[in-house]
Amino acid sequence: MAKGTPSRGRMTGVKHTHCRRCGRVSFHIQKGECAACGFGIRKKILNSSTKTHDIRRRRKL
């Protein structure tokens, strides 16, 4: 497929939505797991100093 306008139509799918635990838009719908906090994978919250500074929404914790 060529670069430009024709290939733009393939980028319409939504992969991530808001996570129930951390509130960030990093919950992968098909996998059922959050890339930021690890919801759906592990019980403990996945903490990282680089992941907590870029929160666009208030956390529910």
C-alpha atoms as a PDB file:
ATOM      1  CA  MET A   1       0.000   0.000   0.000  1.00  0.00           C
ATOM      2  CA  ALA A   2       1.237   3.471  -0.842  1.00  0.00           C
ATOM      3  CA  LYS A   3       2.065   6.219   1.610  1.00  0.00           C
ATOM      4  CA  GLY A   4      -0.360   9.103   1.967  1.00  0.00           C
ATOM      5  CA  THR A   5      -4.130   9.393   1.841  1.00  0.00           C
ATOM      6  CA  PRO A   6      -5.055   5.767   0.932  1.00  0.00           C
ATOM      7  CA  SER A   7      -3.139   4.314   3.882  1.00  0.00           C
ATOM      8  CA  ARG A   8      -4.781   6.724   6.351  1.00  0.00           C
ATOM      9  CA  GLY A   9      -8.036   4.782   6.184  1.00  0.00           C
ATOM     10  CA  ARG A  10      -6.434   1.798   7.905  1.00  0.00           C
ATOM     11  CA  MET A  11      -5.769   3.783  11.098  1.00  0.00           C
ATOM     12  CA  THR A  12      -9.340   4.066  12.338  1.00  0.00           C
ATOM     13  CA  GLY A  13      -9.471   1.247  14.902  1.00  0.00           C
ATOM     14  CA  VAL A  14      -9.479   1.982  18.635  1.00  0.00           C
ATOM     15  CA  LYS A  15      -7.014  -0.178  20.549  1.00  0.00           C
ATOM     16  CA  HIS A  16      -6.913   1.491  23.972  1.00  0.00           C
ATOM     17  CA  THR A  17      -9.535   2.886  26.335  1.00  0.00           C
ATOM     18  CA  HIS A  18      -9.659   4.172  29.928  1.00  0.00           C
ATOM     19  CA  CYS A  19      -8.428   1.779  32.588  1.00  0.00           C
ATOM     20  CA  ARG A  20     -10.742   1.076  35.536  1.00  0.00           C
ATOM     21  CA  ARG A  21      -7.885   1.014  38.025  1.00  0.00           C
ATOM     22  CA  CYS A  22      -5.570   3.879  37.036  1.00  0.00           C
ATOM     23  CA  GLY A  23      -7.841   5.986  34.800  1.00  0.00           C
ATOM     24  CA  ARG A  24      -5.340   6.324  31.974  1.00  0.00           C
ATOM     25  CA  VAL A  25      -6.039   5.591  28.329  1.00  0.00           C
ATOM     26  CA  SER A  26      -3.766   2.558  28.280  1.00  0.00           C
ATOM     27  CA  PHE A  27      -6.148  -0.388  28.682  1.00  0.00           C
ATOM     28  CA  HIS A  28      -5.810  -2.618  25.605  1.00  0.00           C
ATOM     29  CA  ILE A  29      -9.295  -3.795  24.646  1.00  0.00           C
ATOM     30  CA  GLN A  30      -8.402  -7.043  22.868  1.00  0.00           C
ATOM     31  CA  LYS A  31      -5.746  -8.128  25.357  1.00  0.00           C
ATOM     32  CA  GLY A  32      -7.758  -7.027  28.389  1.00  0.00           C
ATOM     33  CA  GLU A  33      -4.747  -5.585  30.154  1.00  0.00           C
ATOM     34  CA  CYS A  34      -3.469  -2.129  31.062  1.00  0.00           C
ATOM     35  CA  ALA A  35      -0.014  -1.115  29.877  1.00  0.00           C
ATOM     36  CA  ALA A  36       0.395   1.512  32.620  1.00  0.00           C
ATOM     37  CA  CYS A  37      -0.687  -0.184  35.860  1.00  0.00           C
ATOM     38  CA  GLY A  38      -0.873  -3.851  34.867  1.00  0.00           C
ATOM     39  CA  PHE A  39      -4.608  -4.304  35.476  1.00  0.00           C
ATOM     40  CA  GLY A  40      -5.676  -7.637  34.028  1.00  0.00           C
ATOM     41  CA  ILE A  41      -2.171  -9.071  34.341  1.00  0.00           C
ATOM     42  CA  ARG A  42      -1.144  -8.659  37.983  1.00  0.00           C
ATOM     43  CA  LYS A  43      -2.705  -7.771  41.306  1.00  0.00           C
ATOM     44  CA  LYS A  44      -0.029  -5.299  42.365  1.00  0.00           C
ATOM     45  CA  ILE A  45       0.046  -1.950  40.596  1.00  0.00           C
ATOM     46  CA  LEU A  46       2.939  -1.649  38.186  1.00  0.00           C
ATOM     47  CA  ASN A  47       4.859   1.378  39.471  1.00  0.00           C
ATOM     48  CA  SER A  48       7.390   3.316  37.487  1.00  0.00           C
ATOM     49  CA  SER A  49       8.515   6.902  37.926  1.00  0.00           C
ATOM     50  CA  THR A  50       8.459   7.486  34.169  1.00  0.00           C
ATOM     51  CA  LYS A  51       4.869   6.314  33.795  1.00  0.00           C
ATOM     52  CA  THR A  52       3.259   8.376  36.549  1.00  0.00           C
ATOM     53  CA  HIS A  53       4.208  11.904  35.439  1.00  0.00           C
ATOM     54  CA  ASP A  54       2.157  11.932  32.248  1.00  0.00           C
ATOM     55  CA  ILE A  55      -1.351  11.428  33.600  1.00  0.00           C
ATOM     56  CA  ARG A  56      -3.978  13.310  31.635  1.00  0.00           C
ATOM     57  CA  ARG A  57      -6.817  12.515  34.002  1.00  0.00           C
ATOM     58  CA  ARG A  58      -7.251  12.416  37.779  1.00  0.00           C
ATOM     59  CA  ARG A  59      -6.465   9.071  39.300  1.00  0.00           C
ATOM     60  CA  LYS A  60      -9.121   7.190  41.246  1.00  0.00           C
ATOM     61  CA  LEU A  61      -6.707   5.694  43.754  1.00  0.00           C
END
